[in-house]
Amino acid sequence: MNVDGFRFLDPATRRVMRAWHDREPHPRGIPWTPIRRPLSQARVALISSAGIARLDDAPFDQEGERDNPWWGDPTFRVIPRGTRGDEVRVCHLHVDPRPARKDLDSVLPLRRLDELVQAGEVGASAPSHYSVMGYILDAREQLATTAKGLAAALTREEVDLAHLVPV
C-alpha cells in the first residue's frame, strides 16, 4: 500500500517537501533494533525535534538558518529528567513556541513518561533526554555527527529505548 505523505499539505509546502524528498540520493532502509527486554523493564529516553534548550544552555543556531534556509543546526541539547517548562525555551524557526511554554509535554512529554513509569508500563525514565533541530534539509552532517553523539550518550546511560517525539 502506498501512503501519500504530502496529501494534506498546501500546494506550496507540498512542492518544498517533494523537493526535499527528491534531494535524497537513494532510498535507504530504516535501521531497526528490537528492544531486548519488556517495556515494563526498559529505560526510556525521549528525543524531541522541537529545538528545545535549557535556559542555562546555548540555544540552537537560528541565525545560521536565517542566513541559509537550507541549513539547520545539527547539534543536540541534553534535557535532564525532571526539567520543567519554565527552565527551557524553544529555539526553532519552524515551531510555534507557545504550546511548549504552556505545557512542555506537548513537545517533550517528560511528565507523561513519568506517569507510565509510576504505572509500571515503563521500567524507568532515563537520566537525560534530548532535543534536536527538526528542520534539517540535508541530514548528512546530522547522521555523521549528531546521531553518533546521541547514540554514545544513550549507551552511556544504558538506555534501552529512545522514543522520537516529532514536532
N, C-alpha and C. Protein backbone atom coordinates (compact mmCIF):
# COMPACT_ATOMS: atom_id res chain seq x y z
N MET A 1 0.84 -1.18 0.00
CA MET A 1 0.00 0.00 0.00
C MET A 1 0.89 1.24 0.00
N ASN A 2 0.63 2.16 -0.88
CA ASN A 2 1.36 3.42 -0.92
C ASN A 2 0.65 4.44 -0.05
N VAL A 3 1.42 5.22 0.68
CA VAL A 3 0.87 6.27 1.52
C VAL A 3 1.35 7.60 0.97
N ASP A 4 0.43 8.51 0.73
CA ASP A 4 0.79 9.84 0.23
C ASP A 4 1.04 10.75 1.43
N GLY A 5 2.32 10.88 1.80
CA GLY A 5 2.69 11.69 2.95
C GLY A 5 2.52 13.18 2.72
N PHE A 6 2.24 13.59 1.49
CA PHE A 6 2.09 15.00 1.16
C PHE A 6 0.62 15.40 0.98
N ARG A 7 -0.28 14.46 1.15
CA ARG A 7 -1.69 14.64 0.82
C ARG A 7 -2.35 15.87 1.45
N PHE A 8 -2.06 16.15 2.72
CA PHE A 8 -2.77 17.20 3.43
C PHE A 8 -2.01 18.54 3.46
N LEU A 9 -0.94 18.64 2.71
CA LEU A 9 -0.16 19.87 2.68
C LEU A 9 -0.72 20.83 1.63
N ASP A 10 -0.55 22.12 1.89
CA ASP A 10 -0.95 23.09 0.88
C ASP A 10 0.03 22.98 -0.29
N PRO A 11 -0.35 23.48 -1.48
CA PRO A 11 0.48 23.28 -2.67
C PRO A 11 1.92 23.78 -2.54
N ALA A 12 2.13 24.94 -1.94
CA ALA A 12 3.49 25.47 -1.82
C ALA A 12 4.34 24.58 -0.92
N THR A 13 3.79 24.19 0.22
CA THR A 13 4.52 23.32 1.15
C THR A 13 4.77 21.96 0.50
N ARG A 14 3.79 21.45 -0.23
CA ARG A 14 3.95 20.17 -0.91
C ARG A 14 5.14 20.22 -1.87
N ARG A 15 5.28 21.33 -2.62
CA ARG A 15 6.41 21.46 -3.56
C ARG A 15 7.74 21.47 -2.81
N VAL A 16 7.80 22.21 -1.71
CA VAL A 16 9.04 22.27 -0.92
C VAL A 16 9.37 20.89 -0.37
N MET A 17 8.38 20.21 0.20
CA MET A 17 8.63 18.91 0.79
C MET A 17 9.01 17.87 -0.26
N ARG A 18 8.39 17.92 -1.43
CA ARG A 18 8.77 16.99 -2.50
C ARG A 18 10.20 17.26 -2.97
N ALA A 19 10.57 18.56 -3.05
CA ALA A 19 11.94 18.91 -3.45
C ALA A 19 12.93 18.37 -2.42
N TRP A 20 12.58 18.50 -1.15
CA TRP A 20 13.43 17.98 -0.08
C TRP A 20 13.55 16.46 -0.23
N HIS A 21 12.44 15.79 -0.41
CA HIS A 21 12.44 14.33 -0.58
C HIS A 21 13.29 13.92 -1.78
N ASP A 22 13.17 14.65 -2.88
CA ASP A 22 13.88 14.30 -4.10
C ASP A 22 15.39 14.54 -4.01
N ARG A 23 15.83 15.31 -3.00
CA ARG A 23 17.27 15.52 -2.79
C ARG A 23 17.95 14.28 -2.25
N GLU A 24 17.19 13.38 -1.67
CA GLU A 24 17.74 12.13 -1.13
C GLU A 24 18.41 11.36 -2.26
N PRO A 25 19.69 11.03 -2.13
CA PRO A 25 20.40 10.40 -3.23
C PRO A 25 19.87 9.01 -3.58
N HIS A 26 19.43 8.27 -2.61
CA HIS A 26 18.89 6.94 -2.87
C HIS A 26 18.06 6.51 -1.67
N PRO A 27 17.06 5.70 -1.90
CA PRO A 27 16.27 5.22 -0.75
C PRO A 27 17.13 4.35 0.16
N ARG A 28 16.87 4.42 1.42
CA ARG A 28 17.60 3.57 2.36
C ARG A 28 16.61 3.01 3.38
N GLY A 29 16.95 1.89 3.89
CA GLY A 29 16.09 1.24 4.87
C GLY A 29 16.13 1.98 6.20
N ILE A 30 15.15 1.70 7.00
CA ILE A 30 15.08 2.27 8.34
C ILE A 30 15.80 1.32 9.28
N PRO A 31 16.81 1.81 10.01
CA PRO A 31 17.50 0.91 10.94
C PRO A 31 16.56 0.52 12.08
N TRP A 32 16.52 -0.73 12.37
CA TRP A 32 15.60 -1.23 13.39
C TRP A 32 16.34 -2.20 14.29
N THR A 33 16.25 -1.99 15.57
CA THR A 33 16.81 -2.91 16.54
C THR A 33 15.69 -3.27 17.51
N PRO A 34 15.33 -4.52 17.60
CA PRO A 34 14.26 -4.90 18.53
C PRO A 34 14.68 -4.61 19.98
N ILE A 35 13.73 -4.25 20.79
CA ILE A 35 14.01 -4.00 22.20
C ILE A 35 14.37 -5.32 22.87
N ARG A 36 15.33 -5.29 23.76
CA ARG A 36 15.88 -6.52 24.34
C ARG A 36 15.18 -6.97 25.60
N ARG A 37 14.33 -6.14 26.15
CA ARG A 37 13.59 -6.53 27.36
C ARG A 37 12.19 -5.96 27.28
N PRO A 38 11.29 -6.45 28.08
CA PRO A 38 9.93 -5.90 28.07
C PRO A 38 9.94 -4.41 28.41
N LEU A 39 9.01 -3.67 27.83
CA LEU A 39 8.92 -2.23 28.09
C LEU A 39 8.81 -1.94 29.58
N SER A 40 8.15 -2.81 30.31
CA SER A 40 7.98 -2.60 31.75
C SER A 40 9.30 -2.71 32.52
N GLN A 41 10.36 -3.15 31.84
CA GLN A 41 11.69 -3.23 32.46
C GLN A 41 12.70 -2.32 31.77
N ALA A 42 12.26 -1.59 30.76
CA ALA A 42 13.18 -0.81 29.92
C ALA A 42 13.39 0.61 30.43
N ARG A 43 14.59 1.11 30.21
CA ARG A 43 14.91 2.52 30.47
C ARG A 43 14.67 3.27 29.17
N VAL A 44 13.84 4.33 29.24
CA VAL A 44 13.40 5.05 28.05
C VAL A 44 13.90 6.50 28.09
N ALA A 45 14.42 6.95 26.94
CA ALA A 45 14.79 8.36 26.76
C ALA A 45 13.91 8.95 25.66
N LEU A 46 13.61 10.22 25.79
CA LEU A 46 12.84 10.95 24.79
C LEU A 46 13.78 11.82 23.96
N ILE A 47 13.50 11.91 22.67
CA ILE A 47 14.25 12.79 21.77
C ILE A 47 13.23 13.64 21.03
N SER A 48 13.21 14.92 21.30
CA SER A 48 12.27 15.85 20.67
C SER A 48 12.93 16.56 19.50
N SER A 49 12.16 16.81 18.45
CA SER A 49 12.69 17.56 17.31
C SER A 49 12.28 19.04 17.37
N ALA A 50 11.91 19.52 18.54
CA ALA A 50 11.40 20.89 18.69
C ALA A 50 12.48 21.95 18.90
N GLY A 51 13.74 21.58 18.95
CA GLY A 51 14.78 22.58 19.18
C GLY A 51 14.70 23.17 20.59
N ILE A 52 14.50 22.32 21.58
CA ILE A 52 14.39 22.75 22.98
C ILE A 52 15.79 22.89 23.58
N ALA A 53 16.01 23.96 24.30
CA ALA A 53 17.27 24.15 25.03
C ALA A 53 16.95 24.66 26.42
N ARG A 54 17.69 24.19 27.40
CA ARG A 54 17.55 24.73 28.76
C ARG A 54 18.00 26.19 28.75
N LEU A 55 17.46 26.97 29.63
CA LEU A 55 17.84 28.38 29.71
C LEU A 55 19.31 28.56 30.06
N ASP A 56 19.90 27.58 30.76
CA ASP A 56 21.31 27.66 31.12
C ASP A 56 22.22 26.99 30.09
N ASP A 57 21.68 26.67 28.90
CA ASP A 57 22.44 26.04 27.83
C ASP A 57 22.37 26.94 26.59
N ALA A 58 23.27 26.72 25.66
CA ALA A 58 23.28 27.52 24.42
C ALA A 58 22.03 27.21 23.60
N PRO A 59 21.43 28.24 23.00
CA PRO A 59 20.29 27.99 22.12
C PRO A 59 20.75 27.36 20.81
N PHE A 60 19.81 26.80 20.06
CA PHE A 60 20.13 26.32 18.72
C PHE A 60 20.39 27.53 17.83
N ASP A 61 21.20 27.35 16.80
CA ASP A 61 21.64 28.45 15.93
C ASP A 61 20.56 28.81 14.90
N GLN A 62 19.75 29.80 15.25
CA GLN A 62 18.71 30.25 14.34
C GLN A 62 19.26 31.25 13.32
N GLU A 63 20.30 31.98 13.67
CA GLU A 63 20.88 32.94 12.72
C GLU A 63 21.48 32.22 11.51
N GLY A 64 22.14 31.09 11.76
CA GLY A 64 22.69 30.31 10.64
C GLY A 64 21.60 29.86 9.69
N GLU A 65 20.45 29.52 10.25
CA GLU A 65 19.33 29.10 9.40
C GLU A 65 18.72 30.29 8.67
N ARG A 66 18.68 31.44 9.33
CA ARG A 66 18.17 32.64 8.64
C ARG A 66 19.08 32.99 7.46
N ASP A 67 20.39 32.84 7.65
CA ASP A 67 21.34 33.14 6.58
C ASP A 67 21.25 32.12 5.45
N ASN A 68 20.98 30.87 5.78
CA ASN A 68 20.89 29.81 4.78
C ASN A 68 19.69 28.92 5.12
N PRO A 69 18.54 29.18 4.50
CA PRO A 69 17.32 28.43 4.83
C PRO A 69 17.41 26.93 4.55
N TRP A 70 18.41 26.49 3.82
CA TRP A 70 18.58 25.05 3.57
C TRP A 70 19.40 24.38 4.66
N TRP A 71 19.84 25.15 5.66
CA TRP A 71 20.67 24.62 6.73
C TRP A 71 19.87 24.61 8.03
N GLY A 72 20.16 23.66 8.88
CA GLY A 72 19.61 23.62 10.23
C GLY A 72 20.71 23.18 11.19
N ASP A 73 20.67 23.68 12.39
CA ASP A 73 21.69 23.36 13.40
C ASP A 73 21.67 21.86 13.69
N PRO A 74 22.77 21.15 13.41
CA PRO A 74 22.79 19.70 13.58
C PRO A 74 23.17 19.22 14.98
N THR A 75 23.28 20.12 15.94
CA THR A 75 23.69 19.72 17.29
C THR A 75 22.48 19.23 18.08
N PHE A 76 22.72 18.77 19.29
CA PHE A 76 21.63 18.37 20.17
C PHE A 76 21.84 18.96 21.55
N ARG A 77 20.77 19.01 22.32
CA ARG A 77 20.83 19.52 23.68
C ARG A 77 20.35 18.44 24.64
N VAL A 78 20.97 18.41 25.81
CA VAL A 78 20.60 17.47 26.87
C VAL A 78 19.55 18.15 27.76
N ILE A 79 18.47 17.43 27.99
CA ILE A 79 17.40 17.91 28.87
C ILE A 79 17.29 16.91 30.02
N PRO A 80 17.83 17.25 31.20
CA PRO A 80 17.79 16.30 32.31
C PRO A 80 16.37 15.94 32.73
N ARG A 81 16.20 14.71 33.18
CA ARG A 81 14.91 14.26 33.73
C ARG A 81 14.50 15.24 34.82
N GLY A 82 13.24 15.57 34.87
CA GLY A 82 12.74 16.49 35.89
C GLY A 82 12.75 17.95 35.46
N THR A 83 13.27 18.23 34.27
CA THR A 83 13.27 19.61 33.78
C THR A 83 11.83 20.10 33.64
N ARG A 84 11.60 21.34 34.07
CA ARG A 84 10.27 21.94 33.99
C ARG A 84 10.19 22.87 32.77
N GLY A 85 8.97 23.16 32.36
CA GLY A 85 8.73 24.03 31.22
C GLY A 85 9.31 25.42 31.38
N ASP A 86 9.36 25.94 32.60
CA ASP A 86 9.91 27.28 32.81
C ASP A 86 11.44 27.30 32.80
N GLU A 87 12.06 26.14 32.59
CA GLU A 87 13.52 26.05 32.55
C GLU A 87 14.06 25.88 31.12
N VAL A 88 13.16 25.92 30.13
CA VAL A 88 13.58 25.71 28.75
C VAL A 88 12.99 26.77 27.82
N ARG A 89 13.52 26.81 26.61
CA ARG A 89 12.97 27.64 25.55
C ARG A 89 13.02 26.83 24.25
N VAL A 90 12.15 27.18 23.33
CA VAL A 90 12.15 26.56 22.01
C VAL A 90 12.92 27.48 21.08
N CYS A 91 13.97 26.96 20.46
CA CYS A 91 14.86 27.73 19.58
C CYS A 91 14.73 27.17 18.17
N HIS A 92 13.58 27.37 17.56
CA HIS A 92 13.31 26.73 16.28
C HIS A 92 12.44 27.67 15.46
N LEU A 93 12.88 28.02 14.26
CA LEU A 93 12.14 28.95 13.42
C LEU A 93 10.86 28.34 12.85
N HIS A 94 10.72 27.03 12.88
CA HIS A 94 9.58 26.36 12.27
C HIS A 94 8.64 25.73 13.28
N VAL A 95 8.80 26.07 14.55
CA VAL A 95 7.93 25.54 15.60
C VAL A 95 7.38 26.71 16.39
N ASP A 96 6.08 26.73 16.57
CA ASP A 96 5.43 27.75 17.40
C ASP A 96 5.78 27.44 18.86
N PRO A 97 6.47 28.34 19.55
CA PRO A 97 6.90 28.04 20.93
C PRO A 97 5.78 28.15 21.97
N ARG A 98 4.64 28.73 21.61
CA ARG A 98 3.58 28.97 22.60
C ARG A 98 3.04 27.68 23.24
N PRO A 99 2.76 26.63 22.49
CA PRO A 99 2.29 25.40 23.18
C PRO A 99 3.32 24.85 24.16
N ALA A 100 4.60 24.91 23.81
CA ALA A 100 5.64 24.42 24.72
C ALA A 100 5.72 25.27 25.98
N ARG A 101 5.50 26.58 25.83
CA ARG A 101 5.51 27.45 27.02
C ARG A 101 4.36 27.10 27.96
N LYS A 102 3.22 26.75 27.38
CA LYS A 102 2.06 26.38 28.21
C LYS A 102 2.23 25.01 28.83
N ASP A 103 2.80 24.07 28.04
CA ASP A 103 2.90 22.69 28.50
C ASP A 103 4.08 22.01 27.79
N LEU A 104 5.19 21.87 28.49
CA LEU A 104 6.37 21.25 27.91
C LEU A 104 6.06 19.86 27.35
N ASP A 105 5.10 19.16 27.97
CA ASP A 105 4.75 17.82 27.49
C ASP A 105 4.24 17.81 26.06
N SER A 106 3.83 18.96 25.53
CA SER A 106 3.36 19.00 24.15
C SER A 106 4.50 18.78 23.16
N VAL A 107 5.74 19.00 23.58
CA VAL A 107 6.90 18.79 22.71
C VAL A 107 7.93 17.84 23.31
N LEU A 108 7.86 17.61 24.60
CA LEU A 108 8.76 16.68 25.29
C LEU A 108 8.00 16.12 26.50
N PRO A 109 7.28 15.01 26.33
CA PRO A 109 6.36 14.53 27.36
C PRO A 109 7.03 13.84 28.56
N LEU A 110 7.82 14.60 29.29
CA LEU A 110 8.51 14.05 30.46
C LEU A 110 7.54 13.61 31.55
N ARG A 111 6.52 14.43 31.83
CA ARG A 111 5.55 14.05 32.87
C ARG A 111 4.74 12.82 32.45
N ARG A 112 4.38 12.74 31.18
CA ARG A 112 3.64 11.56 30.70
C ARG A 112 4.51 10.32 30.84
N LEU A 113 5.80 10.43 30.53
CA LEU A 113 6.71 9.30 30.69
C LEU A 113 6.79 8.91 32.16
N ASP A 114 6.89 9.89 33.05
CA ASP A 114 6.91 9.58 34.49
C ASP A 114 5.64 8.85 34.93
N GLU A 115 4.49 9.24 34.37
CA GLU A 115 3.25 8.55 34.70
C GLU A 115 3.29 7.09 34.26
N LEU A 116 3.88 6.83 33.09
CA LEU A 116 4.00 5.46 32.61
C LEU A 116 4.94 4.64 33.49
N VAL A 117 5.99 5.30 34.00
CA VAL A 117 6.90 4.62 34.93
C VAL A 117 6.15 4.29 36.22
N GLN A 118 5.42 5.28 36.76
CA GLN A 118 4.66 5.06 38.01
C GLN A 118 3.62 3.96 37.86
N ALA A 119 3.04 3.84 36.66
CA ALA A 119 2.02 2.82 36.41
C ALA A 119 2.63 1.45 36.12
N GLY A 120 3.95 1.39 36.02
CA GLY A 120 4.61 0.12 35.75
C GLY A 120 4.62 -0.28 34.28
N GLU A 121 4.16 0.61 33.41
CA GLU A 121 4.16 0.33 31.97
C GLU A 121 5.57 0.44 31.38
N VAL A 122 6.38 1.35 31.96
CA VAL A 122 7.76 1.58 31.54
C VAL A 122 8.64 1.36 32.75
N GLY A 123 9.80 0.74 32.54
CA GLY A 123 10.70 0.45 33.65
C GLY A 123 11.26 1.70 34.32
N ALA A 124 11.83 2.61 33.52
CA ALA A 124 12.46 3.81 34.09
C ALA A 124 12.59 4.88 33.04
N SER A 125 12.59 6.11 33.50
CA SER A 125 12.90 7.26 32.66
C SER A 125 14.41 7.46 32.72
N ALA A 126 15.03 7.67 31.57
CA ALA A 126 16.48 7.88 31.54
C ALA A 126 16.85 9.15 32.31
N PRO A 127 18.08 9.24 32.80
CA PRO A 127 18.51 10.45 33.49
C PRO A 127 18.49 11.68 32.59
N SER A 128 18.72 11.48 31.29
CA SER A 128 18.76 12.59 30.34
C SER A 128 17.86 12.30 29.15
N HIS A 129 17.29 13.37 28.63
CA HIS A 129 16.51 13.32 27.40
C HIS A 129 17.14 14.35 26.47
N TYR A 130 16.70 14.39 25.22
CA TYR A 130 17.45 15.17 24.23
C TYR A 130 16.52 15.92 23.30
N SER A 131 17.06 16.98 22.72
CA SER A 131 16.33 17.71 21.69
C SER A 131 17.27 18.03 20.55
N VAL A 132 16.71 17.96 19.36
CA VAL A 132 17.43 18.29 18.13
C VAL A 132 16.60 19.31 17.36
N MET A 133 17.21 19.89 16.34
CA MET A 133 16.50 20.78 15.44
C MET A 133 15.84 19.91 14.39
N GLY A 134 14.54 19.93 14.32
CA GLY A 134 13.83 19.06 13.41
C GLY A 134 13.88 19.49 11.96
N TYR A 135 14.22 20.72 11.68
CA TYR A 135 14.21 21.22 10.31
C TYR A 135 15.64 21.21 9.77
N ILE A 136 16.03 20.07 9.24
CA ILE A 136 17.35 19.95 8.62
C ILE A 136 17.13 19.30 7.27
N LEU A 137 17.30 20.07 6.21
CA LEU A 137 17.00 19.56 4.88
C LEU A 137 18.09 18.64 4.35
N ASP A 138 19.33 18.84 4.76
CA ASP A 138 20.42 17.97 4.35
C ASP A 138 20.94 17.30 5.61
N ALA A 139 20.51 16.08 5.83
CA ALA A 139 20.78 15.41 7.11
C ALA A 139 22.13 14.71 7.17
N ARG A 140 22.97 14.87 6.15
CA ARG A 140 24.25 14.13 6.18
C ARG A 140 25.09 14.47 7.40
N GLU A 141 25.22 15.75 7.74
CA GLU A 141 26.01 16.12 8.92
C GLU A 141 25.36 15.58 10.19
N GLN A 142 24.05 15.66 10.27
CA GLN A 142 23.36 15.15 11.45
C GLN A 142 23.57 13.64 11.60
N LEU A 143 23.49 12.92 10.49
CA LEU A 143 23.73 11.47 10.55
C LEU A 143 25.18 11.15 10.88
N ALA A 144 26.10 11.95 10.34
CA ALA A 144 27.52 11.66 10.54
C ALA A 144 28.01 12.02 11.94
N THR A 145 27.46 13.06 12.55
CA THR A 145 27.99 13.51 13.84
C THR A 145 26.96 13.46 14.97
N THR A 146 25.81 14.10 14.78
CA THR A 146 24.82 14.20 15.85
C THR A 146 24.32 12.83 16.27
N ALA A 147 23.97 12.00 15.30
CA ALA A 147 23.45 10.67 15.63
C ALA A 147 24.47 9.86 16.42
N LYS A 148 25.74 10.00 16.06
CA LYS A 148 26.78 9.28 16.79
C LYS A 148 26.89 9.78 18.23
N GLY A 149 26.81 11.10 18.41
CA GLY A 149 26.87 11.67 19.76
C GLY A 149 25.68 11.26 20.60
N LEU A 150 24.50 11.28 19.99
CA LEU A 150 23.30 10.83 20.71
C LEU A 150 23.41 9.35 21.07
N ALA A 151 23.85 8.53 20.14
CA ALA A 151 23.98 7.10 20.40
C ALA A 151 24.96 6.86 21.55
N ALA A 152 26.06 7.59 21.56
CA ALA A 152 27.04 7.43 22.64
C ALA A 152 26.44 7.83 23.98
N ALA A 153 25.71 8.94 24.02
CA ALA A 153 25.08 9.39 25.27
C ALA A 153 24.04 8.38 25.75
N LEU A 154 23.24 7.87 24.84
CA LEU A 154 22.22 6.88 25.20
C LEU A 154 22.87 5.59 25.72
N THR A 155 23.96 5.20 25.10
CA THR A 155 24.68 4.00 25.53
C THR A 155 25.27 4.20 26.92
N ARG A 156 25.88 5.37 27.17
CA ARG A 156 26.46 5.65 28.50
C ARG A 156 25.41 5.55 29.60
N GLU A 157 24.19 5.99 29.30
CA GLU A 157 23.13 5.97 30.31
C GLU A 157 22.31 4.68 30.27
N GLU A 158 22.80 3.69 29.52
CA GLU A 158 22.18 2.38 29.45
C GLU A 158 20.70 2.46 29.09
N VAL A 159 20.40 3.26 28.07
CA VAL A 159 19.03 3.42 27.59
C VAL A 159 18.68 2.23 26.70
N ASP A 160 17.52 1.66 26.95
CA ASP A 160 17.05 0.52 26.15
C ASP A 160 16.24 0.98 24.95
N LEU A 161 15.55 2.11 25.08
CA LEU A 161 14.64 2.56 24.03
C LEU A 161 14.65 4.08 23.98
N ALA A 162 14.86 4.62 22.80
CA ALA A 162 14.76 6.06 22.58
C ALA A 162 13.51 6.33 21.78
N HIS A 163 12.65 7.18 22.29
CA HIS A 163 11.38 7.49 21.62
C HIS A 163 11.47 8.88 21.00
N LEU A 164 11.34 8.94 19.69
CA LEU A 164 11.37 10.23 18.99
C LEU A 164 10.02 10.90 19.15
N VAL A 165 10.05 12.17 19.56
CA VAL A 165 8.85 13.00 19.66
C VAL A 165 8.93 14.01 18.52
N PRO A 166 8.35 13.68 17.36
CA PRO A 166 8.44 14.60 16.22
C PRO A 166 7.52 15.79 16.42
N VAL A 167 8.04 16.97 16.11
CA VAL A 167 7.24 18.19 16.26
C VAL A 167 7.21 18.91 14.93
